[in-house]
Amino acid sequence: MNSDAKKTLRKLLIAVPLMFAFGFALVPLYDVFCEVTGINGKVFQSDYEDELLTDDGRPLAIQFISTNNENMPWVFEPSEKVMKISTGEYYTATFYVKNTTNKKMVAQAVPSVAPSNAAAHLKKLECFCFEQQELMPGEEALLPVKLLVSNELPKNIKNIIMSYTIFDITDYNDEPMAGHEMNMEH
């Protein structure tokens, strides 16, 4: 083996484990990033939501925005574009969806919250974004989001934007799991 090949082999023996370690570290780094920014639905959840209920909340407006991923043919829109609420109380918002195709489809919604520092004060008890949504051809539904904004929300925040993007994941659900193909020879 010549010296150039040995150098390349040494570099690869170092680079491959480093790349693997970096890829492995991306998951917790991504979780921290999402928690800080409120992107991708990483909204704080707690088992103690009832402790956040209060009678002396302050007024707040929540704007709902819906977006379809470029290949998603469904109708997807909030029932109310703006909801006037008070902090410390539960509210339920709904989103209307309709499968406009002639085939069964499965969708997943991904939420985000702005401003990002409001995400830590937004508690979702129920959200359609927690589960995949399956609709038959022409089927329509109202998808709920039950939420509470903590009274500890910074006073300078008067409006929160909750944005949901819906993706077609039908093909991902129909594919057999890798390595689990059925053996039909028996």
N, C-alpha and C. Protein backbone atom coordinates (compact mmCIF):
# COMPACT_ATOMS: atom_id res chain seq x y z
N MET A 1 0.85 -1.17 0.00
CA MET A 1 0.00 0.00 0.00
C MET A 1 0.90 1.24 0.00
N ASN A 2 0.62 2.16 -0.92
CA ASN A 2 1.46 3.36 -0.99
C ASN A 2 1.08 4.35 0.10
N SER A 3 1.91 5.38 0.27
CA SER A 3 1.73 6.32 1.38
C SER A 3 0.45 7.15 1.23
N ASP A 4 0.04 7.48 0.00
CA ASP A 4 -1.20 8.24 -0.19
C ASP A 4 -2.41 7.41 0.24
N ALA A 5 -2.39 6.15 -0.06
CA ALA A 5 -3.50 5.28 0.34
C ALA A 5 -3.55 5.13 1.86
N LYS A 6 -2.37 5.06 2.51
CA LYS A 6 -2.33 4.95 3.97
C LYS A 6 -2.87 6.22 4.62
N LYS A 7 -2.51 7.39 4.06
CA LYS A 7 -3.01 8.66 4.59
C LYS A 7 -4.53 8.74 4.45
N THR A 8 -5.02 8.33 3.31
CA THR A 8 -6.47 8.35 3.06
C THR A 8 -7.18 7.41 4.02
N LEU A 9 -6.63 6.22 4.21
CA LEU A 9 -7.22 5.25 5.13
C LEU A 9 -7.24 5.79 6.56
N ARG A 10 -6.15 6.42 6.99
CA ARG A 10 -6.11 7.01 8.34
C ARG A 10 -7.16 8.11 8.49
N LYS A 11 -7.27 8.95 7.48
CA LYS A 11 -8.26 10.04 7.52
C LYS A 11 -9.68 9.48 7.60
N LEU A 12 -9.93 8.41 6.84
CA LEU A 12 -11.25 7.80 6.87
C LEU A 12 -11.54 7.14 8.21
N LEU A 13 -10.55 6.51 8.79
CA LEU A 13 -10.74 5.86 10.09
C LEU A 13 -11.05 6.88 11.18
N ILE A 14 -10.61 8.10 11.00
CA ILE A 14 -10.93 9.17 11.96
C ILE A 14 -12.24 9.86 11.58
N ALA A 15 -12.42 10.14 10.29
CA ALA A 15 -13.59 10.91 9.84
C ALA A 15 -14.90 10.15 10.02
N VAL A 16 -14.92 8.86 9.73
CA VAL A 16 -16.18 8.11 9.80
C VAL A 16 -16.74 8.07 11.23
N PRO A 17 -15.95 7.73 12.25
CA PRO A 17 -16.51 7.78 13.61
C PRO A 17 -16.93 9.19 14.04
N LEU A 18 -16.17 10.21 13.61
CA LEU A 18 -16.56 11.58 13.94
C LEU A 18 -17.89 11.95 13.30
N MET A 19 -18.09 11.55 12.05
CA MET A 19 -19.36 11.84 11.37
C MET A 19 -20.51 11.12 12.06
N PHE A 20 -20.28 9.88 12.47
CA PHE A 20 -21.30 9.12 13.17
C PHE A 20 -21.65 9.82 14.49
N ALA A 21 -20.65 10.23 15.24
CA ALA A 21 -20.89 10.90 16.52
C ALA A 21 -21.64 12.21 16.32
N PHE A 22 -21.28 12.95 15.29
CA PHE A 22 -21.97 14.20 14.99
C PHE A 22 -23.44 13.94 14.66
N GLY A 23 -23.69 12.94 13.82
CA GLY A 23 -25.07 12.59 13.47
C GLY A 23 -25.86 12.17 14.71
N PHE A 24 -25.25 11.42 15.59
CA PHE A 24 -25.89 10.97 16.81
C PHE A 24 -26.20 12.17 17.72
N ALA A 25 -25.33 13.15 17.76
CA ALA A 25 -25.52 14.33 18.60
C ALA A 25 -26.57 15.29 18.05
N LEU A 26 -26.93 15.18 16.77
CA LEU A 26 -27.90 16.09 16.19
C LEU A 26 -29.28 15.98 16.83
N VAL A 27 -29.68 14.79 17.25
CA VAL A 27 -31.01 14.63 17.82
C VAL A 27 -31.19 15.48 19.07
N PRO A 28 -30.34 15.37 20.09
CA PRO A 28 -30.54 16.25 21.26
C PRO A 28 -30.34 17.72 20.93
N LEU A 29 -29.43 18.03 20.01
CA LEU A 29 -29.24 19.44 19.62
C LEU A 29 -30.50 19.98 18.95
N TYR A 30 -31.14 19.17 18.12
CA TYR A 30 -32.37 19.57 17.46
C TYR A 30 -33.48 19.79 18.48
N ASP A 31 -33.60 18.90 19.47
CA ASP A 31 -34.60 19.06 20.52
C ASP A 31 -34.41 20.36 21.28
N VAL A 32 -33.17 20.70 21.61
CA VAL A 32 -32.88 21.95 22.31
C VAL A 32 -33.25 23.13 21.43
N PHE A 33 -32.87 23.08 20.17
CA PHE A 33 -33.19 24.16 19.23
C PHE A 33 -34.70 24.36 19.13
N CYS A 34 -35.45 23.26 19.00
CA CYS A 34 -36.91 23.36 18.88
C CYS A 34 -37.54 23.88 20.17
N GLU A 35 -37.00 23.48 21.30
CA GLU A 35 -37.53 23.95 22.58
C GLU A 35 -37.32 25.46 22.73
N VAL A 36 -36.17 25.94 22.30
CA VAL A 36 -35.85 27.36 22.42
C VAL A 36 -36.66 28.19 21.43
N THR A 37 -36.83 27.71 20.21
CA THR A 37 -37.50 28.50 19.18
C THR A 37 -38.98 28.24 19.06
N GLY A 38 -39.47 27.10 19.57
CA GLY A 38 -40.89 26.77 19.41
C GLY A 38 -41.21 26.21 18.05
N ILE A 39 -40.20 25.91 17.26
CA ILE A 39 -40.39 25.37 15.93
C ILE A 39 -40.67 23.88 16.00
N ASN A 40 -41.45 23.39 15.03
CA ASN A 40 -41.72 21.96 14.85
C ASN A 40 -42.50 21.36 16.02
N GLY A 41 -43.30 22.17 16.64
CA GLY A 41 -44.23 21.63 17.62
C GLY A 41 -43.64 21.20 18.92
N LYS A 42 -42.42 21.56 19.21
CA LYS A 42 -41.81 21.18 20.48
C LYS A 42 -42.34 22.14 21.54
N VAL A 43 -43.61 21.97 21.87
CA VAL A 43 -44.26 22.83 22.85
C VAL A 43 -44.22 22.12 24.19
N PHE A 44 -43.88 22.84 25.24
CA PHE A 44 -43.77 22.28 26.57
C PHE A 44 -45.09 21.65 26.99
N GLN A 45 -45.02 20.44 27.50
CA GLN A 45 -46.19 19.75 28.02
C GLN A 45 -45.95 19.47 29.50
N SER A 46 -47.01 19.48 30.28
CA SER A 46 -46.87 19.27 31.71
C SER A 46 -48.03 18.43 32.21
N ASP A 47 -47.77 17.66 33.26
CA ASP A 47 -48.84 16.90 33.91
C ASP A 47 -49.61 17.78 34.88
N TYR A 48 -49.20 19.02 35.04
CA TYR A 48 -49.79 19.90 36.04
C TYR A 48 -50.48 21.10 35.41
N GLU A 49 -51.17 20.88 34.27
CA GLU A 49 -51.82 21.99 33.58
C GLU A 49 -52.88 22.66 34.46
N ASP A 50 -53.59 21.87 35.27
CA ASP A 50 -54.67 22.44 36.08
C ASP A 50 -54.16 23.48 37.07
N GLU A 51 -52.90 23.37 37.47
CA GLU A 51 -52.32 24.37 38.36
C GLU A 51 -52.14 25.71 37.65
N LEU A 52 -52.20 25.69 36.33
CA LEU A 52 -52.01 26.92 35.55
C LEU A 52 -53.32 27.68 35.34
N LEU A 53 -54.46 27.05 35.69
CA LEU A 53 -55.74 27.73 35.54
C LEU A 53 -55.83 28.89 36.52
N THR A 54 -56.40 29.99 36.04
CA THR A 54 -56.53 31.17 36.89
C THR A 54 -57.76 31.97 36.47
N ASP A 55 -58.32 32.71 37.40
CA ASP A 55 -59.47 33.56 37.10
C ASP A 55 -59.05 34.97 36.76
N ASP A 56 -57.79 35.31 36.98
CA ASP A 56 -57.35 36.68 36.75
C ASP A 56 -56.38 36.76 35.57
N GLY A 57 -56.74 36.09 34.49
CA GLY A 57 -55.91 36.12 33.29
C GLY A 57 -56.01 37.46 32.57
N ARG A 58 -55.11 37.64 31.63
CA ARG A 58 -55.14 38.88 30.85
C ARG A 58 -55.50 38.56 29.40
N PRO A 59 -56.07 39.53 28.68
CA PRO A 59 -56.51 39.27 27.31
C PRO A 59 -55.32 39.05 26.37
N LEU A 60 -55.59 38.23 25.38
CA LEU A 60 -54.55 37.84 24.42
C LEU A 60 -55.24 37.43 23.13
N ALA A 61 -54.60 37.63 22.01
CA ALA A 61 -55.13 37.18 20.72
C ALA A 61 -54.22 36.07 20.18
N ILE A 62 -54.85 35.01 19.70
CA ILE A 62 -54.10 33.95 19.04
C ILE A 62 -54.53 33.91 17.58
N GLN A 63 -53.55 34.03 16.69
CA GLN A 63 -53.82 33.95 15.26
C GLN A 63 -53.43 32.55 14.79
N PHE A 64 -54.31 31.92 14.01
CA PHE A 64 -54.06 30.59 13.49
C PHE A 64 -53.78 30.68 11.99
N ILE A 65 -52.70 30.04 11.59
CA ILE A 65 -52.31 30.02 10.18
C ILE A 65 -52.16 28.57 9.75
N SER A 66 -52.70 28.25 8.58
CA SER A 66 -52.56 26.89 8.05
C SER A 66 -51.88 26.95 6.69
N THR A 67 -51.00 25.99 6.46
CA THR A 67 -50.27 25.91 5.21
C THR A 67 -50.24 24.47 4.75
N ASN A 68 -50.42 24.27 3.47
CA ASN A 68 -50.27 22.94 2.89
C ASN A 68 -48.88 22.81 2.33
N ASN A 69 -48.23 21.67 2.63
CA ASN A 69 -46.97 21.37 1.98
C ASN A 69 -47.24 21.33 0.47
N GLU A 70 -46.23 21.59 -0.32
CA GLU A 70 -46.44 21.78 -1.77
C GLU A 70 -47.18 20.64 -2.46
N ASN A 71 -47.08 19.40 -1.98
CA ASN A 71 -47.74 18.27 -2.63
C ASN A 71 -49.01 17.83 -1.91
N MET A 72 -49.53 18.64 -1.02
CA MET A 72 -50.70 18.25 -0.23
C MET A 72 -51.96 18.87 -0.82
N PRO A 73 -52.85 18.04 -1.40
CA PRO A 73 -54.03 18.58 -2.09
C PRO A 73 -55.24 18.84 -1.20
N TRP A 74 -55.16 18.59 0.09
CA TRP A 74 -56.32 18.77 0.96
C TRP A 74 -56.67 20.24 1.16
N VAL A 75 -57.92 20.48 1.50
CA VAL A 75 -58.32 21.78 2.03
C VAL A 75 -57.94 21.75 3.51
N PHE A 76 -57.28 22.77 3.98
CA PHE A 76 -56.83 22.82 5.37
C PHE A 76 -56.86 24.27 5.82
N GLU A 77 -57.75 24.59 6.76
CA GLU A 77 -57.87 25.97 7.22
C GLU A 77 -58.43 26.04 8.64
N PRO A 78 -58.04 27.08 9.37
CA PRO A 78 -58.57 27.24 10.73
C PRO A 78 -60.04 27.64 10.67
N SER A 79 -60.83 27.17 11.63
CA SER A 79 -62.24 27.58 11.70
C SER A 79 -62.34 29.06 12.05
N GLU A 80 -61.43 29.53 12.90
CA GLU A 80 -61.32 30.95 13.22
C GLU A 80 -59.89 31.38 12.97
N LYS A 81 -59.70 32.48 12.26
CA LYS A 81 -58.35 32.96 12.00
C LYS A 81 -57.73 33.63 13.23
N VAL A 82 -58.55 34.27 14.04
CA VAL A 82 -58.09 34.92 15.27
C VAL A 82 -59.06 34.57 16.39
N MET A 83 -58.49 34.22 17.53
CA MET A 83 -59.31 33.90 18.70
C MET A 83 -58.87 34.81 19.84
N LYS A 84 -59.83 35.49 20.45
CA LYS A 84 -59.56 36.32 21.62
C LYS A 84 -59.70 35.43 22.85
N ILE A 85 -58.66 35.37 23.65
CA ILE A 85 -58.66 34.51 24.83
C ILE A 85 -58.15 35.29 26.04
N SER A 86 -58.15 34.61 27.18
CA SER A 86 -57.50 35.12 28.39
C SER A 86 -56.49 34.08 28.83
N THR A 87 -55.37 34.54 29.34
CA THR A 87 -54.38 33.60 29.86
C THR A 87 -54.98 32.86 31.05
N GLY A 88 -54.51 31.64 31.27
CA GLY A 88 -54.96 30.86 32.41
C GLY A 88 -56.29 30.16 32.22
N GLU A 89 -56.82 30.12 31.00
CA GLU A 89 -58.07 29.42 30.72
C GLU A 89 -57.90 28.52 29.51
N TYR A 90 -58.64 27.39 29.52
CA TYR A 90 -58.61 26.48 28.37
C TYR A 90 -59.51 26.97 27.25
N TYR A 91 -59.06 26.76 26.03
CA TYR A 91 -59.84 27.08 24.84
C TYR A 91 -59.64 25.95 23.84
N THR A 92 -60.65 25.77 22.99
CA THR A 92 -60.53 24.78 21.92
C THR A 92 -60.71 25.48 20.60
N ALA A 93 -59.73 25.33 19.75
CA ALA A 93 -59.79 25.83 18.37
C ALA A 93 -59.92 24.61 17.46
N THR A 94 -60.45 24.82 16.28
CA THR A 94 -60.58 23.71 15.33
C THR A 94 -60.05 24.11 13.96
N PHE A 95 -59.60 23.10 13.25
CA PHE A 95 -59.16 23.27 11.87
C PHE A 95 -60.00 22.36 10.99
N TYR A 96 -60.47 22.90 9.88
CA TYR A 96 -61.26 22.14 8.91
C TYR A 96 -60.32 21.50 7.89
N VAL A 97 -60.52 20.20 7.65
CA VAL A 97 -59.75 19.50 6.61
C VAL A 97 -60.71 18.73 5.72
N LYS A 98 -60.32 18.62 4.46
CA LYS A 98 -61.10 17.82 3.51
C LYS A 98 -60.13 17.17 2.53
N ASN A 99 -60.28 15.87 2.37
CA ASN A 99 -59.50 15.12 1.38
C ASN A 99 -60.18 15.33 0.04
N THR A 100 -59.55 16.09 -0.83
CA THR A 100 -60.14 16.43 -2.14
C THR A 100 -59.78 15.43 -3.23
N THR A 101 -59.10 14.35 -2.85
CA THR A 101 -58.68 13.36 -3.84
C THR A 101 -59.65 12.19 -3.89
N ASN A 102 -59.38 11.26 -4.79
CA ASN A 102 -60.21 10.06 -4.90
C ASN A 102 -59.51 8.85 -4.29
N LYS A 103 -58.58 9.11 -3.35
CA LYS A 103 -57.88 8.01 -2.68
C LYS A 103 -57.76 8.31 -1.19
N LYS A 104 -57.64 7.23 -0.40
CA LYS A 104 -57.41 7.40 1.03
C LYS A 104 -56.04 8.03 1.21
N MET A 105 -55.97 8.99 2.11
CA MET A 105 -54.70 9.67 2.37
C MET A 105 -54.47 9.80 3.88
N VAL A 106 -53.19 9.87 4.24
CA VAL A 106 -52.80 10.09 5.63
C VAL A 106 -51.96 11.36 5.68
N ALA A 107 -52.25 12.20 6.67
CA ALA A 107 -51.55 13.48 6.80
C ALA A 107 -50.99 13.63 8.21
N GLN A 108 -49.99 14.48 8.30
CA GLN A 108 -49.42 14.84 9.60
C GLN A 108 -49.22 16.35 9.59
N ALA A 109 -49.69 17.00 10.65
CA ALA A 109 -49.52 18.44 10.79
C ALA A 109 -48.34 18.71 11.72
N VAL A 110 -47.56 19.72 11.36
CA VAL A 110 -46.41 20.12 12.16
C VAL A 110 -46.65 21.57 12.60
N PRO A 111 -46.67 21.80 13.91
CA PRO A 111 -46.95 23.15 14.41
C PRO A 111 -45.69 23.96 14.67
N SER A 112 -45.86 25.26 14.73
CA SER A 112 -44.82 26.15 15.24
C SER A 112 -45.51 27.34 15.90
N VAL A 113 -44.78 28.00 16.77
CA VAL A 113 -45.33 29.09 17.58
C VAL A 113 -44.43 30.31 17.45
N ALA A 114 -45.06 31.47 17.30
CA ALA A 114 -44.32 32.73 17.29
C ALA A 114 -45.06 33.72 18.18
N PRO A 115 -44.37 34.55 18.92
CA PRO A 115 -42.92 34.60 19.05
C PRO A 115 -42.40 33.36 19.78
N SER A 116 -41.15 33.05 19.53
CA SER A 116 -40.59 31.80 20.04
C SER A 116 -40.61 31.74 21.57
N ASN A 117 -40.49 32.87 22.26
CA ASN A 117 -40.49 32.81 23.72
C ASN A 117 -41.89 32.58 24.30
N ALA A 118 -42.92 32.57 23.46
CA ALA A 118 -44.27 32.24 23.92
C ALA A 118 -44.48 30.73 23.99
N ALA A 119 -43.68 29.97 23.27
CA ALA A 119 -43.86 28.52 23.20
C ALA A 119 -43.80 27.85 24.57
N ALA A 120 -42.94 28.32 25.45
CA ALA A 120 -42.81 27.71 26.77
C ALA A 120 -44.04 27.95 27.64
N HIS A 121 -44.89 28.89 27.25
CA HIS A 121 -46.07 29.23 28.05
C HIS A 121 -47.35 28.69 27.42
N LEU A 122 -47.23 28.01 26.29
CA LEU A 122 -48.38 27.44 25.59
C LEU A 122 -48.47 25.96 25.93
N LYS A 123 -49.58 25.55 26.50
CA LYS A 123 -49.79 24.15 26.88
C LYS A 123 -50.90 23.58 26.00
N LYS A 124 -50.61 22.46 25.36
CA LYS A 124 -51.62 21.79 24.53
C LYS A 124 -52.05 20.52 25.25
N LEU A 125 -53.32 20.45 25.60
CA LEU A 125 -53.85 19.26 26.23
C LEU A 125 -54.21 18.23 25.14
N GLU A 126 -54.67 18.74 24.03
CA GLU A 126 -55.07 17.90 22.91
C GLU A 126 -54.71 18.64 21.64
N CYS A 127 -54.21 17.92 20.64
CA CYS A 127 -53.90 18.56 19.36
C CYS A 127 -53.90 17.51 18.26
N PHE A 128 -54.52 17.86 17.15
CA PHE A 128 -54.51 16.96 16.00
C PHE A 128 -53.10 16.72 15.49
N CYS A 129 -52.18 17.61 15.86
CA CYS A 129 -50.80 17.47 15.42
C CYS A 129 -50.07 16.35 16.16
N PHE A 130 -50.67 15.83 17.25
CA PHE A 130 -50.06 14.73 17.99
C PHE A 130 -50.23 13.40 17.27
N GLU A 131 -51.18 13.33 16.33
CA GLU A 131 -51.50 12.08 15.66
C GLU A 131 -51.60 12.28 14.15
N GLN A 132 -51.46 11.17 13.44
CA GLN A 132 -51.66 11.19 11.99
C GLN A 132 -53.16 11.24 11.72
N GLN A 133 -53.52 11.92 10.64
CA GLN A 133 -54.93 12.06 10.26
C GLN A 133 -55.17 11.28 8.97
N GLU A 134 -56.09 10.33 9.03
CA GLU A 134 -56.42 9.52 7.85
C GLU A 134 -57.83 9.89 7.39
N LEU A 135 -57.95 10.26 6.12
CA LEU A 135 -59.24 10.60 5.56
C LEU A 135 -59.47 9.82 4.27
N MET A 136 -60.70 9.35 4.11
CA MET A 136 -61.10 8.65 2.90
C MET A 136 -61.38 9.69 1.81
N PRO A 137 -61.53 9.26 0.55
CA PRO A 137 -61.81 10.22 -0.54
C PRO A 137 -63.04 11.08 -0.23
N GLY A 138 -62.89 12.39 -0.34
CA GLY A 138 -63.98 13.33 -0.10
C GLY A 138 -64.34 13.54 1.36
N GLU A 139 -63.73 12.80 2.28
CA GLU A 139 -64.06 12.94 3.70
C GLU A 139 -63.55 14.27 4.24
N GLU A 140 -64.32 14.82 5.18
CA GLU A 140 -63.93 16.07 5.83
C GLU A 140 -64.05 15.91 7.34
N ALA A 141 -63.34 16.76 8.07
CA ALA A 141 -63.34 16.66 9.53
C ALA A 141 -62.97 18.00 10.15
N LEU A 142 -63.34 18.15 11.42
CA LEU A 142 -62.89 19.27 12.23
C LEU A 142 -61.88 18.72 13.23
N LEU A 143 -60.68 19.24 13.19
CA LEU A 143 -59.60 18.74 14.03
C LEU A 143 -59.37 19.72 15.18
N PRO A 144 -59.41 19.24 16.44
CA PRO A 144 -59.32 20.13 17.59
C PRO A 144 -57.90 20.38 18.09
N VAL A 145 -57.74 21.55 18.70
CA VAL A 145 -56.55 21.91 19.46
C VAL A 145 -57.07 22.49 20.78
N LYS A 146 -56.86 21.78 21.88
CA LYS A 146 -57.25 22.30 23.19
C LYS A 146 -56.00 22.87 23.83
N LEU A 147 -56.05 24.16 24.16
CA LEU A 147 -54.84 24.84 24.62
C LEU A 147 -55.11 25.77 25.79
N LEU A 148 -54.02 26.11 26.44
CA LEU A 148 -54.02 27.07 27.54
C LEU A 148 -52.73 27.86 27.43
N VAL A 149 -52.83 29.17 27.60
CA VAL A 149 -51.64 30.01 27.66
C VAL A 149 -51.46 30.41 29.11
N SER A 150 -50.30 30.10 29.64
CA SER A 150 -49.99 30.37 31.05
C SER A 150 -50.03 31.86 31.34
N ASN A 151 -50.47 32.18 32.54
CA ASN A 151 -50.51 33.58 32.99
C ASN A 151 -49.10 34.14 33.15
N GLU A 152 -48.10 33.27 33.11
CA GLU A 152 -46.71 33.70 33.23
C GLU A 152 -46.12 34.17 31.89
N LEU A 153 -46.94 34.18 30.85
CA LEU A 153 -46.50 34.70 29.56
C LEU A 153 -46.00 36.13 29.75
N PRO A 154 -44.83 36.47 29.20
CA PRO A 154 -44.32 37.83 29.36
C PRO A 154 -45.36 38.89 28.96
N LYS A 155 -45.44 39.93 29.76
CA LYS A 155 -46.48 40.97 29.58
C LYS A 155 -46.39 41.69 28.24
N ASN A 156 -45.19 41.70 27.64
CA ASN A 156 -45.04 42.40 26.36
C ASN A 156 -45.63 41.60 25.19
N ILE A 157 -45.98 40.35 25.40
CA ILE A 157 -46.58 39.54 24.32
C ILE A 157 -48.09 39.71 24.38
N LYS A 158 -48.65 40.30 23.34
CA LYS A 158 -50.10 40.54 23.26
C LYS A 158 -50.77 39.63 22.24
N ASN A 159 -49.96 39.04 21.35
CA ASN A 159 -50.46 38.16 20.29
C ASN A 159 -49.54 36.96 20.13
N ILE A 160 -50.14 35.81 19.85
CA ILE A 160 -49.38 34.60 19.56
C ILE A 160 -49.86 34.08 18.21
N ILE A 161 -48.92 33.63 17.42
CA ILE A 161 -49.26 33.01 16.13
C ILE A 161 -48.98 31.53 16.23
N MET A 162 -50.02 30.73 15.98
CA MET A 162 -49.86 29.28 15.91
C MET A 162 -50.02 28.87 14.46
N SER A 163 -48.95 28.34 13.90
CA SER A 163 -48.93 27.98 12.49
C SER A 163 -48.83 26.46 12.37
N TYR A 164 -49.62 25.90 11.48
CA TYR A 164 -49.59 24.46 11.22
C TYR A 164 -49.37 24.22 9.73
N THR A 165 -48.42 23.35 9.42
CA THR A 165 -48.20 22.92 8.05
C THR A 165 -48.58 21.46 7.97
N ILE A 166 -49.40 21.11 6.98
CA ILE A 166 -49.86 19.74 6.84
C ILE A 166 -49.12 19.06 5.69
N PHE A 167 -48.68 17.84 5.94
CA PHE A 167 -47.89 17.07 4.99
C PHE A 167 -48.61 15.78 4.61
N ASP A 168 -48.46 15.37 3.37
CA ASP A 168 -48.96 14.07 2.91
C ASP A 168 -47.94 13.01 3.30
N ILE A 169 -48.33 12.08 4.18
CA ILE A 169 -47.42 11.00 4.57
C ILE A 169 -48.00 9.64 4.19
N THR A 170 -48.94 9.62 3.24
CA THR A 170 -49.60 8.38 2.82
C THR A 170 -48.58 7.34 2.38
N ASP A 171 -47.65 7.71 1.53
CA ASP A 171 -46.68 6.75 1.01
C ASP A 171 -45.78 6.19 2.11
N TYR A 172 -45.51 6.98 3.13
CA TYR A 172 -44.66 6.50 4.22
C TYR A 172 -45.38 5.43 5.04
N ASN A 173 -46.71 5.55 5.15
CA ASN A 173 -47.48 4.57 5.91
C ASN A 173 -47.71 3.28 5.13
N ASP A 174 -47.71 3.35 3.81
CA ASP A 174 -47.98 2.18 2.98
C ASP A 174 -46.76 1.31 2.75
N GLU A 175 -45.56 1.87 2.96
CA GLU A 175 -44.34 1.10 2.70
C GLU A 175 -44.14 0.08 3.81
N PRO A 176 -43.77 -1.17 3.43
CA PRO A 176 -43.48 -2.15 4.48
C PRO A 176 -42.21 -1.74 5.22
N MET A 177 -42.13 -2.11 6.47
CA MET A 177 -40.94 -1.78 7.25
C MET A 177 -39.75 -2.53 6.71
N ALA A 178 -38.63 -1.84 6.59
CA ALA A 178 -37.42 -2.45 6.06
C ALA A 178 -37.02 -3.65 6.93
N GLY A 179 -36.71 -4.74 6.27
CA GLY A 179 -36.27 -5.93 6.99
C GLY A 179 -37.41 -6.76 7.53
N HIS A 180 -38.66 -6.36 7.26
CA HIS A 180 -39.81 -7.11 7.76
C HIS A 180 -40.69 -7.62 6.62
N GLU A 181 -40.09 -7.87 5.46
CA GLU A 181 -40.86 -8.39 4.34
C GLU A 181 -41.31 -9.81 4.67
N MET A 182 -42.47 -10.15 4.19
CA MET A 182 -43.00 -11.49 4.47
C MET A 182 -42.36 -12.52 3.57
N ASN A 183 -42.05 -13.66 4.12
CA ASN A 183 -41.51 -14.76 3.34
C ASN A 183 -42.66 -15.69 3.02
N MET A 184 -43.03 -15.76 1.74
CA MET A 184 -44.19 -16.53 1.32
C MET A 184 -43.84 -17.90 0.79
N GLU A 185 -42.63 -18.37 0.98
CA GLU A 185 -42.20 -19.64 0.41
C GLU A 185 -42.75 -20.82 1.17
N HIS A 186 -43.16 -20.69 2.43
CA HIS A 186 -43.59 -21.83 3.25
C HIS A 186 -44.97 -22.24 2.92
